[in-house]
Amino acid sequence: QLVESGGGLVQPGGSLRLSCAASASIFTFNPMGWYRQAPGKQRESVATMTQGGSITYADSAKGRFTISRDNAKNTFYLQMNSLKPEDTALYFCTARQWDSNRGSWNEYWGQGTQVTVSS
């Protein structure tokens, strides 16, 4: 289970840090990441991190957003700086985890947290 927090209303140029708390260890999440969906648009990837630490950002996020994790807290984050009105969306965290008992991947999604960038 994943639970996001940290969304809210922020002015253009401001910052927010989203958190995604997992109910169990995130050490084997591969990958983990953040998606967003704006009204009338498709869900898009914002940032992903593999178990080995490789990170990929959407072009729109490069230089402004940072994904990170804290294995001890079973939580990963999305630090968002220099926010723009076009960053307004519902942000979701997601992760995949190998289930050795089933021999398949489990995929988890949070419920979403709203980010609104407006003056």
N, C-alpha and C. Protein backbone atom coordinates (compact mmCIF):
# COMPACT_ATOMS: atom_id res chain seq x y z
N GLN A 1 0.85 -1.18 0.00
CA GLN A 1 0.00 0.00 0.00
C GLN A 1 0.89 1.24 0.00
N LEU A 2 0.52 2.21 -0.84
CA LEU A 2 1.26 3.46 -0.93
C LEU A 2 0.32 4.60 -0.57
N VAL A 3 0.83 5.54 0.21
CA VAL A 3 0.03 6.70 0.62
C VAL A 3 0.83 7.96 0.36
N GLU A 4 0.28 8.83 -0.52
CA GLU A 4 0.95 10.08 -0.82
C GLU A 4 0.52 11.16 0.16
N SER A 5 1.39 12.14 0.31
CA SER A 5 1.07 13.35 1.07
C SER A 5 1.95 14.47 0.56
N GLY A 6 1.59 15.69 0.95
CA GLY A 6 2.44 16.83 0.61
C GLY A 6 1.92 17.73 -0.47
N GLY A 7 0.81 17.36 -1.10
CA GLY A 7 0.26 18.22 -2.13
C GLY A 7 -0.37 19.46 -1.53
N GLY A 8 -0.76 20.37 -2.40
CA GLY A 8 -1.40 21.59 -1.93
C GLY A 8 -1.38 22.67 -2.97
N LEU A 9 -1.72 23.86 -2.52
CA LEU A 9 -1.75 25.04 -3.38
C LEU A 9 -0.46 25.83 -3.16
N VAL A 10 0.20 26.16 -4.24
CA VAL A 10 1.45 26.91 -4.14
C VAL A 10 1.50 27.94 -5.28
N GLN A 11 2.17 29.03 -5.02
CA GLN A 11 2.30 30.06 -6.05
C GLN A 11 3.36 29.66 -7.07
N PRO A 12 3.25 30.19 -8.28
CA PRO A 12 4.32 29.93 -9.27
C PRO A 12 5.68 30.31 -8.70
N GLY A 13 6.65 29.44 -8.97
CA GLY A 13 7.99 29.64 -8.43
C GLY A 13 8.21 29.00 -7.09
N GLY A 14 7.16 28.51 -6.47
CA GLY A 14 7.27 27.90 -5.16
C GLY A 14 7.71 26.45 -5.22
N SER A 15 7.74 25.83 -4.05
CA SER A 15 8.21 24.46 -3.93
C SER A 15 7.24 23.62 -3.11
N LEU A 16 7.24 22.35 -3.38
CA LEU A 16 6.51 21.36 -2.60
C LEU A 16 7.34 20.09 -2.55
N ARG A 17 7.18 19.34 -1.48
CA ARG A 17 7.79 18.01 -1.42
C ARG A 17 6.69 16.99 -1.20
N LEU A 18 6.54 16.11 -2.15
CA LEU A 18 5.58 15.02 -2.03
C LEU A 18 6.26 13.82 -1.38
N SER A 19 5.51 13.13 -0.56
CA SER A 19 6.01 11.92 0.09
C SER A 19 5.13 10.74 -0.29
N CYS A 20 5.73 9.58 -0.39
CA CYS A 20 5.00 8.36 -0.67
C CYS A 20 5.43 7.33 0.37
N ALA A 21 4.57 7.08 1.31
CA ALA A 21 4.88 6.14 2.39
C ALA A 21 4.34 4.77 2.06
N ALA A 22 5.22 3.78 2.17
CA ALA A 22 4.83 2.40 1.90
C ALA A 22 4.57 1.66 3.20
N SER A 23 3.71 0.66 3.11
CA SER A 23 3.36 -0.11 4.30
C SER A 23 4.40 -1.18 4.62
N ALA A 24 5.36 -1.36 3.70
CA ALA A 24 6.42 -2.33 3.94
C ALA A 24 7.71 -1.79 3.32
N SER A 25 8.75 -2.57 3.38
CA SER A 25 10.05 -2.13 2.90
C SER A 25 10.02 -1.74 1.43
N ILE A 26 10.66 -0.62 1.10
CA ILE A 26 10.75 -0.19 -0.29
C ILE A 26 12.06 -0.63 -0.92
N PHE A 27 12.88 -1.35 -0.17
CA PHE A 27 14.22 -1.69 -0.65
C PHE A 27 14.18 -2.44 -1.97
N THR A 28 13.16 -3.27 -2.15
CA THR A 28 13.10 -4.08 -3.36
C THR A 28 12.17 -3.49 -4.42
N PHE A 29 11.68 -2.27 -4.18
CA PHE A 29 10.89 -1.63 -5.22
C PHE A 29 11.77 -1.42 -6.46
N ASN A 30 11.24 -1.80 -7.62
CA ASN A 30 12.04 -1.65 -8.82
C ASN A 30 11.18 -1.61 -10.06
N PRO A 31 10.84 -0.44 -10.59
CA PRO A 31 11.25 0.84 -10.04
C PRO A 31 10.19 1.41 -9.09
N MET A 32 10.45 2.60 -8.60
CA MET A 32 9.47 3.41 -7.90
C MET A 32 9.43 4.75 -8.63
N GLY A 33 8.31 5.44 -8.51
CA GLY A 33 8.26 6.69 -9.26
C GLY A 33 7.02 7.50 -9.02
N TRP A 34 6.96 8.58 -9.77
CA TRP A 34 5.85 9.53 -9.66
C TRP A 34 5.26 9.77 -11.05
N TYR A 35 3.95 9.78 -11.11
CA TYR A 35 3.20 10.12 -12.30
C TYR A 35 2.29 11.29 -11.94
N ARG A 36 1.78 11.93 -12.97
CA ARG A 36 0.78 12.97 -12.74
C ARG A 36 -0.26 12.94 -13.85
N GLN A 37 -1.41 13.45 -13.51
CA GLN A 37 -2.49 13.52 -14.49
C GLN A 37 -3.23 14.84 -14.31
N ALA A 38 -3.19 15.64 -15.35
CA ALA A 38 -3.91 16.91 -15.36
C ALA A 38 -5.28 16.67 -15.97
N PRO A 39 -6.25 17.52 -15.65
CA PRO A 39 -7.60 17.35 -16.20
C PRO A 39 -7.59 17.30 -17.72
N GLY A 40 -8.23 16.29 -18.28
CA GLY A 40 -8.32 16.16 -19.72
C GLY A 40 -7.08 15.65 -20.39
N LYS A 41 -6.08 15.26 -19.60
CA LYS A 41 -4.84 14.77 -20.17
C LYS A 41 -4.55 13.36 -19.68
N GLN A 42 -3.67 12.68 -20.41
CA GLN A 42 -3.28 11.34 -20.01
C GLN A 42 -2.30 11.40 -18.84
N ARG A 43 -2.28 10.32 -18.08
CA ARG A 43 -1.31 10.21 -17.00
C ARG A 43 0.08 10.12 -17.60
N GLU A 44 1.03 10.85 -17.02
CA GLU A 44 2.38 10.85 -17.56
C GLU A 44 3.40 10.63 -16.45
N SER A 45 4.50 10.02 -16.82
CA SER A 45 5.58 9.79 -15.87
C SER A 45 6.31 11.09 -15.61
N VAL A 46 6.64 11.32 -14.38
CA VAL A 46 7.39 12.52 -13.98
C VAL A 46 8.83 12.14 -13.62
N ALA A 47 8.97 11.12 -12.80
CA ALA A 47 10.31 10.70 -12.37
C ALA A 47 10.25 9.26 -11.90
N THR A 48 11.29 8.50 -12.21
CA THR A 48 11.37 7.12 -11.75
C THR A 48 12.78 6.84 -11.23
N MET A 49 12.85 5.91 -10.30
CA MET A 49 14.13 5.49 -9.73
C MET A 49 14.14 3.98 -9.63
N THR A 50 15.19 3.36 -10.14
CA THR A 50 15.31 1.91 -10.04
C THR A 50 15.88 1.51 -8.69
N GLN A 51 15.84 0.22 -8.43
CA GLN A 51 16.40 -0.29 -7.18
C GLN A 51 17.89 0.06 -7.08
N GLY A 52 18.55 0.09 -8.21
CA GLY A 52 19.97 0.40 -8.21
C GLY A 52 20.28 1.88 -8.17
N GLY A 53 19.23 2.69 -8.21
CA GLY A 53 19.44 4.13 -8.08
C GLY A 53 19.46 4.91 -9.38
N SER A 54 19.23 4.24 -10.49
CA SER A 54 19.17 4.98 -11.75
C SER A 54 17.88 5.79 -11.80
N ILE A 55 18.01 7.04 -12.23
CA ILE A 55 16.88 7.97 -12.21
C ILE A 55 16.59 8.48 -13.61
N THR A 56 15.32 8.59 -13.90
CA THR A 56 14.86 9.16 -15.16
C THR A 56 13.82 10.22 -14.87
N TYR A 57 13.97 11.36 -15.51
CA TYR A 57 13.00 12.46 -15.37
C TYR A 57 12.35 12.76 -16.70
N ALA A 58 11.10 13.17 -16.64
CA ALA A 58 10.46 13.74 -17.81
C ALA A 58 11.17 15.04 -18.15
N ASP A 59 11.16 15.39 -19.43
CA ASP A 59 11.81 16.63 -19.84
C ASP A 59 11.27 17.83 -19.05
N SER A 60 9.99 17.80 -18.78
CA SER A 60 9.35 18.91 -18.07
C SER A 60 9.81 19.02 -16.62
N ALA A 61 10.38 17.93 -16.10
CA ALA A 61 10.80 17.90 -14.69
C ALA A 61 12.29 18.12 -14.50
N LYS A 62 13.05 17.94 -15.54
CA LYS A 62 14.52 18.02 -15.43
C LYS A 62 14.96 19.38 -14.92
N GLY A 63 15.84 19.36 -13.93
CA GLY A 63 16.37 20.59 -13.38
C GLY A 63 15.50 21.23 -12.32
N ARG A 64 14.28 20.74 -12.18
CA ARG A 64 13.36 21.33 -11.19
C ARG A 64 12.90 20.33 -10.14
N PHE A 65 12.75 19.07 -10.54
CA PHE A 65 12.24 18.04 -9.63
C PHE A 65 13.35 17.07 -9.27
N THR A 66 13.26 16.53 -8.06
CA THR A 66 14.23 15.54 -7.61
C THR A 66 13.51 14.40 -6.90
N ILE A 67 13.75 13.18 -7.37
CA ILE A 67 13.21 12.01 -6.70
C ILE A 67 14.27 11.46 -5.76
N SER A 68 13.84 11.02 -4.60
CA SER A 68 14.77 10.45 -3.63
C SER A 68 14.04 9.42 -2.78
N ARG A 69 14.79 8.70 -1.99
CA ARG A 69 14.15 7.69 -1.15
C ARG A 69 14.87 7.60 0.19
N ASP A 70 14.13 7.12 1.17
CA ASP A 70 14.69 6.85 2.50
C ASP A 70 14.24 5.44 2.87
N ASN A 71 15.11 4.48 2.64
CA ASN A 71 14.75 3.08 2.88
C ASN A 71 14.38 2.85 4.35
N ALA A 72 15.05 3.55 5.25
CA ALA A 72 14.78 3.35 6.68
C ALA A 72 13.37 3.77 7.04
N LYS A 73 12.82 4.74 6.32
CA LYS A 73 11.46 5.24 6.59
C LYS A 73 10.43 4.63 5.66
N ASN A 74 10.88 3.75 4.77
CA ASN A 74 9.96 3.14 3.78
C ASN A 74 9.20 4.22 3.01
N THR A 75 9.90 5.25 2.64
CA THR A 75 9.27 6.41 2.01
C THR A 75 10.14 6.90 0.87
N PHE A 76 9.49 7.30 -0.23
CA PHE A 76 10.24 8.01 -1.26
C PHE A 76 9.54 9.34 -1.54
N TYR A 77 10.29 10.23 -2.18
CA TYR A 77 9.88 11.63 -2.23
C TYR A 77 9.99 12.19 -3.64
N LEU A 78 9.30 13.30 -3.84
CA LEU A 78 9.47 14.11 -5.03
C LEU A 78 9.57 15.56 -4.59
N GLN A 79 10.76 16.10 -4.66
CA GLN A 79 10.96 17.51 -4.37
C GLN A 79 10.73 18.29 -5.64
N MET A 80 9.81 19.23 -5.57
CA MET A 80 9.45 20.02 -6.75
C MET A 80 9.75 21.48 -6.48
N ASN A 81 10.64 22.04 -7.27
CA ASN A 81 11.01 23.45 -7.15
C ASN A 81 10.61 24.21 -8.40
N SER A 82 10.61 25.52 -8.30
CA SER A 82 10.28 26.38 -9.45
C SER A 82 9.01 25.93 -10.13
N LEU A 83 7.99 25.71 -9.34
CA LEU A 83 6.74 25.18 -9.88
C LEU A 83 6.06 26.16 -10.82
N LYS A 84 5.42 25.59 -11.83
CA LYS A 84 4.73 26.37 -12.85
C LYS A 84 3.26 25.99 -12.86
N PRO A 85 2.40 26.87 -13.36
CA PRO A 85 0.98 26.52 -13.45
C PRO A 85 0.74 25.21 -14.21
N GLU A 86 1.57 24.93 -15.19
CA GLU A 86 1.38 23.69 -15.96
C GLU A 86 1.77 22.44 -15.17
N ASP A 87 2.33 22.60 -14.01
CA ASP A 87 2.59 21.45 -13.13
C ASP A 87 1.35 21.03 -12.35
N THR A 88 0.29 21.82 -12.46
CA THR A 88 -0.94 21.50 -11.75
C THR A 88 -1.49 20.16 -12.23
N ALA A 89 -1.69 19.25 -11.30
CA ALA A 89 -2.16 17.90 -11.64
C ALA A 89 -2.38 17.11 -10.36
N LEU A 90 -2.96 15.95 -10.54
CA LEU A 90 -3.04 14.96 -9.47
C LEU A 90 -1.80 14.08 -9.59
N TYR A 91 -1.02 14.03 -8.54
CA TYR A 91 0.24 13.30 -8.55
C TYR A 91 0.08 11.96 -7.83
N PHE A 92 0.57 10.92 -8.50
CA PHE A 92 0.48 9.57 -7.96
C PHE A 92 1.88 8.99 -7.77
N CYS A 93 2.06 8.25 -6.71
CA CYS A 93 3.28 7.46 -6.60
C CYS A 93 2.96 6.01 -6.98
N THR A 94 3.97 5.34 -7.47
CA THR A 94 3.79 3.98 -7.93
C THR A 94 5.07 3.19 -7.72
N ALA A 95 4.93 1.88 -7.64
CA ALA A 95 6.10 1.04 -7.48
C ALA A 95 5.78 -0.38 -7.95
N ARG A 96 6.83 -1.06 -8.38
CA ARG A 96 6.72 -2.48 -8.71
C ARG A 96 7.62 -3.26 -7.77
N GLN A 97 7.17 -4.45 -7.46
CA GLN A 97 7.93 -5.30 -6.56
C GLN A 97 7.77 -6.75 -6.99
N TRP A 98 8.89 -7.46 -7.07
CA TRP A 98 8.83 -8.85 -7.49
C TRP A 98 8.27 -9.71 -6.35
N ASP A 99 7.30 -10.52 -6.71
CA ASP A 99 6.69 -11.45 -5.76
C ASP A 99 7.23 -12.84 -6.09
N SER A 100 8.17 -13.28 -5.29
CA SER A 100 8.81 -14.58 -5.58
C SER A 100 7.85 -15.75 -5.37
N ASN A 101 6.84 -15.54 -4.51
CA ASN A 101 5.87 -16.63 -4.29
C ASN A 101 5.00 -16.85 -5.52
N ARG A 102 4.63 -15.76 -6.15
CA ARG A 102 3.76 -15.84 -7.33
C ARG A 102 4.56 -15.91 -8.63
N GLY A 103 5.83 -15.52 -8.56
CA GLY A 103 6.64 -15.50 -9.77
C GLY A 103 6.22 -14.42 -10.73
N SER A 104 5.79 -13.29 -10.17
CA SER A 104 5.34 -12.19 -11.01
C SER A 104 5.54 -10.87 -10.26
N TRP A 105 5.35 -9.79 -11.00
CA TRP A 105 5.50 -8.46 -10.41
C TRP A 105 4.18 -8.01 -9.80
N ASN A 106 4.25 -7.39 -8.64
CA ASN A 106 3.12 -6.65 -8.08
C ASN A 106 3.32 -5.18 -8.39
N GLU A 107 2.24 -4.51 -8.72
CA GLU A 107 2.30 -3.08 -9.01
C GLU A 107 1.39 -2.34 -8.05
N TYR A 108 1.93 -1.31 -7.45
CA TYR A 108 1.19 -0.53 -6.45
C TYR A 108 1.02 0.91 -6.90
N TRP A 109 -0.12 1.48 -6.57
CA TRP A 109 -0.40 2.89 -6.84
C TRP A 109 -0.99 3.53 -5.60
N GLY A 110 -0.59 4.76 -5.36
CA GLY A 110 -1.23 5.54 -4.31
C GLY A 110 -2.52 6.14 -4.81
N GLN A 111 -3.21 6.83 -3.90
CA GLN A 111 -4.53 7.37 -4.23
C GLN A 111 -4.43 8.73 -4.91
N GLY A 112 -3.27 9.33 -4.89
CA GLY A 112 -3.07 10.62 -5.53
C GLY A 112 -3.12 11.77 -4.55
N THR A 113 -2.33 12.79 -4.84
CA THR A 113 -2.35 14.03 -4.07
C THR A 113 -2.37 15.19 -5.04
N GLN A 114 -3.23 16.15 -4.79
CA GLN A 114 -3.43 17.26 -5.72
C GLN A 114 -2.36 18.33 -5.52
N VAL A 115 -1.78 18.74 -6.62
CA VAL A 115 -0.86 19.87 -6.64
C VAL A 115 -1.46 20.94 -7.54
N THR A 116 -1.65 22.12 -6.98
CA THR A 116 -2.20 23.24 -7.73
C THR A 116 -1.23 24.41 -7.66
N VAL A 117 -0.80 24.87 -8.82
CA VAL A 117 0.14 25.99 -8.88
C VAL A 117 -0.60 27.18 -9.48
N SER A 118 -0.84 28.16 -8.64
CA SER A 118 -1.64 29.30 -9.07
C SER A 118 -1.35 30.50 -8.19
N SER A 119 -1.45 31.67 -8.79
CA SER A 119 -1.30 32.90 -8.02
C SER A 119 -2.64 33.41 -7.55
